[in-house]
């Protein structure tokens, strides 16, 4: 993150550069969260299909179903909030 300019000595150009940086970082974070939410929603949907299919076939017991339900709840973006919660910085390598 860009260093916060001094509130006493900052020039308009420094303030502008700082605001552009933090607004861009917020935009990138929201983009990463949108991608993360979509990916996790697909994981939840697939896990629910597997659980329902095995449950319909009577293959597993209540402990197995609770385990699947717990795993689904741990990644469900509707229950857990946005992911990632902080901007992920990728290296140029």
PDB file of N, CA and C in Angstrom:
ATOM      1  N   UNK A   1       0.849  -1.172   0.000  1.00  0.00           N
ATOM      2  CA  UNK A   1       0.000   0.000   0.000  1.00  0.00           C
ATOM      3  C   UNK A   1       0.897   1.239   0.000  1.00  0.00           C
ATOM      4  N   UNK A   2       0.457   2.264  -0.661  1.00  0.00           N
ATOM      5  CA  UNK A   2       1.192   3.507  -0.744  1.00  0.00           C
ATOM      6  C   UNK A   2       1.213   4.205   0.610  1.00  0.00           C
ATOM      7  N   UNK A   3       2.338   4.846   0.880  1.00  0.00           N
ATOM      8  CA  UNK A   3       2.482   5.547   2.160  1.00  0.00           C
ATOM      9  C   UNK A   3       1.524   6.738   2.221  1.00  0.00           C
ATOM     10  N   UNK A   4       0.906   6.885   3.367  1.00  0.00           N
ATOM     11  CA  UNK A   4      -0.024   7.984   3.596  1.00  0.00           C
ATOM     12  C   UNK A   4       0.740   9.306   3.579  1.00  0.00           C
ATOM     13  N   UNK A   5       0.330  10.253   2.721  1.00  0.00           N
ATOM     14  CA  UNK A   5       1.033  11.533   2.685  1.00  0.00           C
ATOM     15  C   UNK A   5       0.783  12.329   3.960  1.00  0.00           C
ATOM     16  N   UNK A   6       1.719  13.175   4.290  1.00  0.00           N
ATOM     17  CA  UNK A   6       1.583  14.022   5.475  1.00  0.00           C
ATOM     18  C   UNK A   6       0.412  14.974   5.285  1.00  0.00           C
ATOM     19  N   UNK A   7      -0.391  15.100   6.292  1.00  0.00           N
ATOM     20  CA  UNK A   7      -1.537  15.997   6.171  1.00  0.00           C
ATOM     21  C   UNK A   7      -1.121  17.458   6.270  1.00  0.00           C
ATOM     22  N   UNK A   8       0.128  17.705   6.653  1.00  0.00           N
ATOM     23  CA  UNK A   8       0.612  19.075   6.769  1.00  0.00           C
ATOM     24  C   UNK A   8       1.427  19.518   5.558  1.00  0.00           C
ATOM     25  N   UNK A   9       2.125  18.597   4.916  1.00  0.00           N
ATOM     26  CA  UNK A   9       3.038  18.985   3.838  1.00  0.00           C
ATOM     27  C   UNK A   9       2.719  18.362   2.488  1.00  0.00           C
ATOM     28  N   UNK A  10       1.668  17.584   2.387  1.00  0.00           N
ATOM     29  CA  UNK A  10       1.362  16.894   1.132  1.00  0.00           C
ATOM     30  C   UNK A  10       0.935  17.874   0.050  1.00  0.00           C
ATOM     31  N   UNK A  11       1.420  17.588  -1.143  1.00  0.00           N
ATOM     32  CA  UNK A  11       1.015  18.394  -2.294  1.00  0.00           C
ATOM     33  C   UNK A  11      -0.261  17.802  -2.875  1.00  0.00           C
ATOM     34  N   UNK A  12      -0.991  18.554  -3.664  1.00  0.00           N
ATOM     35  CA  UNK A  12      -2.179  17.988  -4.307  1.00  0.00           C
ATOM     36  C   UNK A  12      -1.854  16.750  -5.152  1.00  0.00           C
ATOM     37  N   UNK A  13      -0.695  16.752  -5.796  1.00  0.00           N
ATOM     38  CA  UNK A  13      -0.301  15.595  -6.613  1.00  0.00           C
ATOM     39  C   UNK A  13      -0.083  14.354  -5.742  1.00  0.00           C
ATOM     40  N   UNK A  14       0.508  14.513  -4.559  1.00  0.00           N
ATOM     41  CA  UNK A  14       0.715  13.377  -3.651  1.00  0.00           C
ATOM     42  C   UNK A  14      -0.620  12.845  -3.139  1.00  0.00           C
ATOM     43  N   UNK A  15      -1.513  13.742  -2.809  1.00  0.00           N
ATOM     44  CA  UNK A  15      -2.844  13.331  -2.340  1.00  0.00           C
ATOM     45  C   UNK A  15      -3.585  12.592  -3.450  1.00  0.00           C
ATOM     46  N   UNK A  16      -3.507  13.127  -4.672  1.00  0.00           N
ATOM     47  CA  UNK A  16      -4.148  12.486  -5.808  1.00  0.00           C
ATOM     48  C   UNK A  16      -3.584  11.084  -6.044  1.00  0.00           C
ATOM     49  N   UNK A  17      -2.270  10.961  -6.012  1.00  0.00           N
ATOM     50  CA  UNK A  17      -1.630   9.656  -6.222  1.00  0.00           C
ATOM     51  C   UNK A  17      -2.050   8.667  -5.140  1.00  0.00           C
ATOM     52  N   UNK A  18      -2.098   9.124  -3.900  1.00  0.00           N
ATOM     53  CA  UNK A  18      -2.507   8.252  -2.791  1.00  0.00           C
ATOM     54  C   UNK A  18      -3.953   7.790  -2.967  1.00  0.00           C
ATOM     55  N   UNK A  19      -4.849   8.710  -3.282  1.00  0.00           N
ATOM     56  CA  UNK A  19      -6.257   8.349  -3.454  1.00  0.00           C
ATOM     57  C   UNK A  19      -6.446   7.381  -4.615  1.00  0.00           C
ATOM     58  N   UNK A  20      -5.744   7.617  -5.703  1.00  0.00           N
ATOM     59  CA  UNK A  20      -5.835   6.697  -6.850  1.00  0.00           C
ATOM     60  C   UNK A  20      -5.370   5.291  -6.469  1.00  0.00           C
ATOM     61  N   UNK A  21      -4.312   5.220  -5.674  1.00  0.00           N
ATOM     62  CA  UNK A  21      -3.780   3.922  -5.260  1.00  0.00           C
ATOM     63  C   UNK A  21      -4.767   3.179  -4.366  1.00  0.00           C
ATOM     64  N   UNK A  22      -5.292   3.847  -3.342  1.00  0.00           N
ATOM     65  CA  UNK A  22      -6.188   3.129  -2.434  1.00  0.00           C
ATOM     66  C   UNK A  22      -7.511   2.785  -3.111  1.00  0.00           C
ATOM     67  N   UNK A  23      -7.969   3.630  -4.018  1.00  0.00           N
ATOM     68  CA  UNK A  23      -9.195   3.298  -4.743  1.00  0.00           C
ATOM     69  C   UNK A  23      -8.965   2.125  -5.682  1.00  0.00           C
ATOM     70  N   UNK A  24      -7.804   2.078  -6.318  1.00  0.00           N
ATOM     71  CA  UNK A  24      -7.476   0.952  -7.193  1.00  0.00           C
ATOM     72  C   UNK A  24      -7.369  -0.337  -6.384  1.00  0.00           C
ATOM     73  N   UNK A  25      -6.723  -0.265  -5.207  1.00  0.00           N
ATOM     74  CA  UNK A  25      -6.597  -1.459  -4.367  1.00  0.00           C
ATOM     75  C   UNK A  25      -7.969  -1.959  -3.929  1.00  0.00           C
ATOM     76  N   UNK A  26      -8.879  -1.055  -3.606  1.00  0.00           N
ATOM     77  CA  UNK A  26     -10.226  -1.452  -3.217  1.00  0.00           C
ATOM     78  C   UNK A  26     -10.941  -2.122  -4.395  1.00  0.00           C
ATOM     79  N   UNK A  27     -10.771  -1.573  -5.586  1.00  0.00           N
ATOM     80  CA  UNK A  27     -11.379  -2.155  -6.779  1.00  0.00           C
ATOM     81  C   UNK A  27     -10.816  -3.548  -7.036  1.00  0.00           C
ATOM     82  N   UNK A  28      -9.499  -3.701  -6.914  1.00  0.00           N
ATOM     83  CA  UNK A  28      -8.892  -5.017  -7.113  1.00  0.00           C
ATOM     84  C   UNK A  28      -9.374  -6.018  -6.067  1.00  0.00           C
ATOM     85  N   UNK A  29      -9.496  -5.574  -4.820  1.00  0.00           N
ATOM     86  CA  UNK A  29      -9.994  -6.459  -3.766  1.00  0.00           C
ATOM     87  C   UNK A  29     -11.416  -6.912  -4.084  1.00  0.00           C
ATOM     88  N   UNK A  30     -12.279  -6.000  -4.494  1.00  0.00           N
ATOM     89  CA  UNK A  30     -13.664  -6.368  -4.833  1.00  0.00           C
ATOM     90  C   UNK A  30     -13.696  -7.355  -6.000  1.00  0.00           C
ATOM     91  N   UNK A  31     -12.797  -7.183  -6.962  1.00  0.00           N
ATOM     92  CA  UNK A  31     -12.703  -8.105  -8.089  1.00  0.00           C
ATOM     93  C   UNK A  31     -12.274  -9.492  -7.612  1.00  0.00           C
ATOM     94  N   UNK A  32     -11.248  -9.544  -6.747  1.00  0.00           N
ATOM     95  CA  UNK A  32     -10.804 -10.823  -6.211  1.00  0.00           C
ATOM     96  C   UNK A  32     -11.916 -11.486  -5.396  1.00  0.00           C
ATOM     97  N   UNK A  33     -12.674 -10.700  -4.656  1.00  0.00           N
ATOM     98  CA  UNK A  33     -13.778 -11.262  -3.875  1.00  0.00           C
ATOM     99  C   UNK A  33     -14.876 -11.806  -4.783  1.00  0.00           C
ATOM    100  N   UNK A  34     -15.153 -11.128  -5.892  1.00  0.00           N
ATOM    101  CA  UNK A  34     -16.171 -11.616  -6.828  1.00  0.00           C
ATOM    102  C   UNK A  34     -15.744 -12.948  -7.428  1.00  0.00           C
ATOM    103  N   UNK A  35     -14.479 -13.054  -7.808  1.00  0.00           N
ATOM    104  CA  UNK A  35     -13.965 -14.318  -8.345  1.00  0.00           C
ATOM    105  C   UNK A  35     -14.002 -15.397  -7.268  1.00  0.00           C
ATOM    106  N   UNK A  36     -13.571 -15.054  -6.048  1.00  0.00           N
ATOM    107  CA  UNK A  36     -13.574 -16.019  -4.950  1.00  0.00           C
ATOM    108  C   UNK A  36     -14.971 -16.505  -4.622  1.00  0.00           C
ATOM    109  N   UNK A  37     -15.935 -15.594  -4.617  1.00  0.00           N
ATOM    110  CA  UNK A  37     -17.319 -15.979  -4.325  1.00  0.00           C
ATOM    111  C   UNK A  37     -17.846 -16.936  -5.385  1.00  0.00           C
ATOM    112  N   UNK A  38     -17.539 -16.662  -6.632  1.00  0.00           N
ATOM    113  CA  UNK A  38     -18.000 -17.538  -7.718  1.00  0.00           C
ATOM    114  C   UNK A  38     -17.370 -18.933  -7.591  1.00  0.00           C
ATOM    115  N   UNK A  39     -16.076 -18.968  -7.350  1.00  0.00           N
ATOM    116  CA  UNK A  39     -15.384 -20.254  -7.218  1.00  0.00           C
ATOM    117  C   UNK A  39     -15.918 -21.051  -6.027  1.00  0.00           C
ATOM    118  N   UNK A  40     -16.100 -20.392  -4.886  1.00  0.00           N
ATOM    119  CA  UNK A  40     -16.604 -21.096  -3.704  1.00  0.00           C
ATOM    120  C   UNK A  40     -18.050 -21.536  -3.886  1.00  0.00           C
ATOM    121  N   UNK A  41     -18.840 -20.767  -4.600  1.00  0.00           N
ATOM    122  CA  UNK A  41     -20.224 -21.165  -4.877  1.00  0.00           C
ATOM    123  C   UNK A  41     -20.254 -22.448  -5.711  1.00  0.00           C
ATOM    124  N   UNK A  42     -19.328 -22.550  -6.668  1.00  0.00           N
ATOM    125  CA  UNK A  42     -19.240 -23.777  -7.470  1.00  0.00           C
ATOM    126  C   UNK A  42     -18.828 -24.962  -6.603  1.00  0.00           C
ATOM    127  N   UNK A  43     -17.888 -24.739  -5.682  1.00  0.00           N
ATOM    128  CA  UNK A  43     -17.456 -25.814  -4.775  1.00  0.00           C
ATOM    129  C   UNK A  43     -18.628 -26.274  -3.922  1.00  0.00           C
ATOM    130  N   UNK A  44     -19.392 -25.334  -3.378  1.00  0.00           N
ATOM    131  CA  UNK A  44     -20.544 -25.676  -2.533  1.00  0.00           C
ATOM    132  C   UNK A  44     -21.572 -26.448  -3.351  1.00  0.00           C
ATOM    133  N   UNK A  45     -21.847 -25.997  -4.553  1.00  0.00           N
ATOM    134  CA  UNK A  45     -22.826 -26.681  -5.408  1.00  0.00           C
ATOM    135  C   UNK A  45     -22.386 -28.106  -5.716  1.00  0.00           C
ATOM    136  N   UNK A  46     -21.114 -28.285  -6.071  1.00  0.00           N
ATOM    137  CA  UNK A  46     -20.603 -29.631  -6.362  1.00  0.00           C
ATOM    138  C   UNK A  46     -20.643 -30.526  -5.126  1.00  0.00           C
ATOM    139  N   UNK A  47     -20.261 -29.977  -3.977  1.00  0.00           N
ATOM    140  CA  UNK A  47     -20.282 -30.771  -2.739  1.00  0.00           C
ATOM    141  C   UNK A  47     -21.702 -31.168  -2.360  1.00  0.00           C
ATOM    142  N   UNK A  48     -22.654 -30.274  -2.577  1.00  0.00           N
ATOM    143  CA  UNK A  48     -24.049 -30.606  -2.276  1.00  0.00           C
ATOM    144  C   UNK A  48     -24.562 -31.713  -3.199  1.00  0.00           C
ATOM    145  N   UNK A  49     -24.126 -31.708  -4.456  1.00  0.00           N
ATOM    146  CA  UNK A  49     -24.527 -32.774  -5.392  1.00  0.00           C
ATOM    147  C   UNK A  49     -23.969 -34.119  -4.956  1.00  0.00           C
ATOM    148  N   UNK A  50     -22.694 -34.138  -4.577  1.00  0.00           N
ATOM    149  CA  UNK A  50     -22.068 -35.386  -4.122  1.00  0.00           C
ATOM    150  C   UNK A  50     -22.770 -35.902  -2.881  1.00  0.00           C
ATOM    151  N   UNK A  51     -23.012 -35.016  -1.931  1.00  0.00           N
ATOM    152  CA  UNK A  51     -23.679 -35.405  -0.688  1.00  0.00           C
ATOM    153  C   UNK A  51     -25.072 -35.938  -0.971  1.00  0.00           C
ATOM    154  N   UNK A  52     -25.829 -35.242  -1.801  1.00  0.00           N
ATOM    155  CA  UNK A  52     -27.198 -35.662  -2.107  1.00  0.00           C
ATOM    156  C   UNK A  52     -27.220 -36.987  -2.862  1.00  0.00           C
ATOM    157  N   UNK A  53     -26.309 -37.157  -3.782  1.00  0.00           N
ATOM    158  CA  UNK A  53     -26.262 -38.405  -4.551  1.00  0.00           C
ATOM    159  C   UNK A  53     -25.969 -39.598  -3.648  1.00  0.00           C
ATOM    160  N   UNK A  54     -24.970 -39.465  -2.795  1.00  0.00           N
ATOM    161  CA  UNK A  54     -24.634 -40.559  -1.878  1.00  0.00           C
ATOM    162  C   UNK A  54     -25.748 -40.782  -0.872  1.00  0.00           C
ATOM    163  N   UNK A  55     -26.383 -39.704  -0.429  1.00  0.00           N
ATOM    164  CA  UNK A  55     -27.480 -39.813   0.523  1.00  0.00           C
ATOM    165  C   UNK A  55     -28.674 -40.530  -0.110  1.00  0.00           C
ATOM    166  N   UNK A  56     -28.973 -40.206  -1.351  1.00  0.00           N
ATOM    167  CA  UNK A  56     -30.092 -40.852  -2.048  1.00  0.00           C
ATOM    168  C   UNK A  56     -29.849 -42.331  -2.262  1.00  0.00           C
ATOM    169  N   UNK A  57     -28.589 -42.700  -2.430  1.00  0.00           N
ATOM    170  CA  UNK A  57     -28.248 -44.109  -2.620  1.00  0.00           C
ATOM    171  C   UNK A  57     -28.130 -44.857  -1.299  1.00  0.00           C
ATOM    172  N   UNK A  58     -28.257 -44.124  -0.172  1.00  0.00           N
ATOM    173  CA  UNK A  58     -28.185 -44.754   1.149  1.00  0.00           C
ATOM    174  C   UNK A  58     -26.810 -45.294   1.480  1.00  0.00           C
ATOM    175  N   UNK A  59     -25.775 -44.668   0.957  1.00  0.00           N
ATOM    176  CA  UNK A  59     -24.425 -45.199   1.116  1.00  0.00           C
ATOM    177  C   UNK A  59     -23.757 -44.839   2.443  1.00  0.00           C
ATOM    178  N   UNK A  60     -24.195 -43.766   3.068  1.00  0.00           N
ATOM    179  CA  UNK A  60     -23.449 -43.278   4.222  1.00  0.00           C
ATOM    180  C   UNK A  60     -24.361 -43.009   5.409  1.00  0.00           C
ATOM    181  N   UNK A  61     -23.746 -42.857   6.577  1.00  0.00           N
ATOM    182  CA  UNK A  61     -24.493 -42.653   7.817  1.00  0.00           C
ATOM    183  C   UNK A  61     -24.616 -41.165   8.163  1.00  0.00           C
ATOM    184  N   UNK A  62     -25.224 -40.880   9.314  1.00  0.00           N
ATOM    185  CA  UNK A  62     -25.459 -39.501   9.733  1.00  0.00           C
ATOM    186  C   UNK A  62     -24.153 -38.746   9.984  1.00  0.00           C
ATOM    187  N   UNK A  63     -23.138 -39.434  10.528  1.00  0.00           N
ATOM    188  CA  UNK A  63     -21.851 -38.772  10.758  1.00  0.00           C
ATOM    189  C   UNK A  63     -21.233 -38.294   9.453  1.00  0.00           C
ATOM    190  N   UNK A  64     -21.351 -39.118   8.427  1.00  0.00           N
ATOM    191  CA  UNK A  64     -20.816 -38.748   7.117  1.00  0.00           C
ATOM    192  C   UNK A  64     -21.550 -37.520   6.581  1.00  0.00           C
ATOM    193  N   UNK A  65     -22.865 -37.518   6.704  1.00  0.00           N
ATOM    194  CA  UNK A  65     -23.647 -36.374   6.222  1.00  0.00           C
ATOM    195  C   UNK A  65     -23.310 -35.106   6.993  1.00  0.00           C
ATOM    196  N   UNK A  66     -23.142 -35.222   8.311  1.00  0.00           N
ATOM    197  CA  UNK A  66     -22.772 -34.053   9.122  1.00  0.00           C
ATOM    198  C   UNK A  66     -21.406 -33.517   8.715  1.00  0.00           C
ATOM    199  N   UNK A  67     -20.493 -34.408   8.397  1.00  0.00           N
ATOM    200  CA  UNK A  67     -19.168 -33.989   7.939  1.00  0.00           C
ATOM    201  C   UNK A  67     -19.252 -33.197   6.645  1.00  0.00           C
ATOM    202  N   UNK A  68     -20.056 -33.670   5.708  1.00  0.00           N
ATOM    203  CA  UNK A  68     -20.245 -32.937   4.449  1.00  0.00           C
ATOM    204  C   UNK A  68     -20.916 -31.596   4.706  1.00  0.00           C
ATOM    205  N   UNK A  69     -21.939 -31.589   5.542  1.00  0.00           N
ATOM    206  CA  UNK A  69     -22.632 -30.335   5.851  1.00  0.00           C
ATOM    207  C   UNK A  69     -21.676 -29.330   6.484  1.00  0.00           C
ATOM    208  N   UNK A  70     -20.824 -29.802   7.394  1.00  0.00           N
ATOM    209  CA  UNK A  70     -19.858 -28.928   8.048  1.00  0.00           C
ATOM    210  C   UNK A  70     -18.863 -28.370   7.035  1.00  0.00           C
ATOM    211  N   UNK A  71     -18.376 -29.214   6.150  1.00  0.00           N
ATOM    212  CA  UNK A  71     -17.422 -28.758   5.127  1.00  0.00           C
ATOM    213  C   UNK A  71     -18.060 -27.723   4.214  1.00  0.00           C
ATOM    214  N   UNK A  72     -19.292 -27.954   3.833  1.00  0.00           N
ATOM    215  CA  UNK A  72     -20.000 -27.015   2.965  1.00  0.00           C
ATOM    216  C   UNK A  72     -20.179 -25.676   3.667  1.00  0.00           C
ATOM    217  N   UNK A  73     -20.575 -25.698   4.935  1.00  0.00           N
ATOM    218  CA  UNK A  73     -20.781 -24.455   5.683  1.00  0.00           C
ATOM    219  C   UNK A  73     -19.489 -23.666   5.863  1.00  0.00           C
ATOM    220  N   UNK A  74     -18.361 -24.351   5.953  1.00  0.00           N
ATOM    221  CA  UNK A  74     -17.081 -23.667   6.158  1.00  0.00           C
ATOM    222  C   UNK A  74     -16.643 -22.857   4.945  1.00  0.00           C
ATOM    223  N   UNK A  75     -17.083 -23.237   3.750  1.00  0.00           N
ATOM    224  CA  UNK A  75     -16.655 -22.515   2.547  1.00  0.00           C
ATOM    225  C   UNK A  75     -17.771 -21.722   1.892  1.00  0.00           C
ATOM    226  N   UNK A  76     -18.995 -21.855   2.378  1.00  0.00           N
ATOM    227  CA  UNK A  76     -20.129 -21.175   1.751  1.00  0.00           C
ATOM    228  C   UNK A  76     -19.961 -19.659   1.858  1.00  0.00           C
ATOM    229  N   UNK A  77     -19.832 -18.953   0.718  1.00  0.00           N
ATOM    230  CA  UNK A  77     -19.621 -17.510   0.782  1.00  0.00           C
ATOM    231  C   UNK A  77     -20.810 -16.750   1.368  1.00  0.00           C
ATOM    232  N   UNK A  78     -22.004 -17.323   1.307  1.00  0.00           N
ATOM    233  CA  UNK A  78     -23.171 -16.665   1.904  1.00  0.00           C
ATOM    234  C   UNK A  78     -23.104 -16.677   3.433  1.00  0.00           C
ATOM    235  N   UNK A  79     -22.396 -17.654   3.997  1.00  0.00           N
ATOM    236  CA  UNK A  79     -22.288 -17.772   5.450  1.00  0.00           C
ATOM    237  C   UNK A  79     -20.982 -17.198   5.998  1.00  0.00           C
ATOM    238  N   UNK A  80     -19.944 -17.192   5.187  1.00  0.00           N
ATOM    239  CA  UNK A  80     -18.609 -16.850   5.682  1.00  0.00           C
ATOM    240  C   UNK A  80     -18.110 -15.473   5.264  1.00  0.00           C
ATOM    241  N   UNK A  81     -18.859 -14.765   4.483  1.00  0.00           N
ATOM    242  CA  UNK A  81     -18.421 -13.444   4.060  1.00  0.00           C
ATOM    243  C   UNK A  81     -17.480 -13.507   2.883  1.00  0.00           C
ATOM    244  N   UNK A  82     -16.984 -12.355   2.474  1.00  0.00           N
ATOM    245  CA  UNK A  82     -16.147 -12.323   1.277  1.00  0.00           C
ATOM    246  C   UNK A  82     -14.805 -13.010   1.486  1.00  0.00           C
ATOM    247  N   UNK A  83     -14.332 -13.610   0.429  1.00  0.00           N
ATOM    248  CA  UNK A  83     -13.029 -14.248   0.456  1.00  0.00           C
ATOM    249  C   UNK A  83     -12.323 -13.915  -0.842  1.00  0.00           C
ATOM    250  N   UNK A  84     -11.174 -13.357  -0.822  1.00  0.00           N
ATOM    251  CA  UNK A  84     -10.328 -13.046   0.318  1.00  0.00           C
ATOM    252  C   UNK A  84     -10.806 -11.794   1.055  1.00  0.00           C
ATOM    253  N   UNK A  85     -10.382 -11.648   2.303  1.00  0.00           N
ATOM    254  CA  UNK A  85     -10.780 -10.472   3.079  1.00  0.00           C
ATOM    255  C   UNK A  85      -9.758  -9.351   2.955  1.00  0.00           C
ATOM    256  N   UNK A  86      -8.577  -9.674   2.437  1.00  0.00           N
ATOM    257  CA  UNK A  86      -7.538  -8.667   2.193  1.00  0.00           C
ATOM    258  C   UNK A  86      -7.003  -8.882   0.787  1.00  0.00           C
ATOM    259  N   UNK A  87      -6.545  -7.817   0.172  1.00  0.00           N
ATOM    260  CA  UNK A  87      -6.032  -7.881  -1.189  1.00  0.00           C
ATOM    261  C   UNK A  87      -4.873  -8.840  -1.279  1.00  0.00           C
ATOM    262  N   UNK A  88      -4.911  -9.722  -2.265  1.00  0.00           N
ATOM    263  CA  UNK A  88      -3.820 -10.652  -2.506  1.00  0.00           C
ATOM    264  C   UNK A  88      -2.888 -10.009  -3.527  1.00  0.00           C
ATOM    265  N   UNK A  89      -1.638  -9.840  -3.151  1.00  0.00           N
ATOM    266  CA  UNK A  89      -0.660  -9.249  -4.056  1.00  0.00           C
ATOM    267  C   UNK A  89       0.099 -10.371  -4.746  1.00  0.00           C
ATOM    268  N   UNK A  90       0.113 -10.323  -6.062  1.00  0.00           N
ATOM    269  CA  UNK A  90       0.822 -11.331  -6.842  1.00  0.00           C
ATOM    270  C   UNK A  90       2.158 -10.761  -7.299  1.00  0.00           C
ATOM    271  N   UNK A  91       3.177 -11.602  -7.279  1.00  0.00           N
ATOM    272  CA  UNK A  91       4.495 -11.131  -7.724  1.00  0.00           C
ATOM    273  C   UNK A  91       4.539 -11.106  -9.248  1.00  0.00           C
ATOM    274  N   UNK A  92       5.474 -10.358  -9.788  1.00  0.00           N
ATOM    275  CA  UNK A  92       5.628 -10.264 -11.236  1.00  0.00           C
ATOM    276  C   UNK A  92       6.372 -11.436 -11.828  1.00  0.00           C
ATOM    277  N   UNK A  93       6.872 -12.329 -10.978  1.00  0.00           N
ATOM    278  CA  UNK A  93       7.686 -13.449 -11.448  1.00  0.00           C
ATOM    279  C   UNK A  93       6.883 -14.433 -12.251  1.00  0.00           C
TER     280      UNK A  93
END
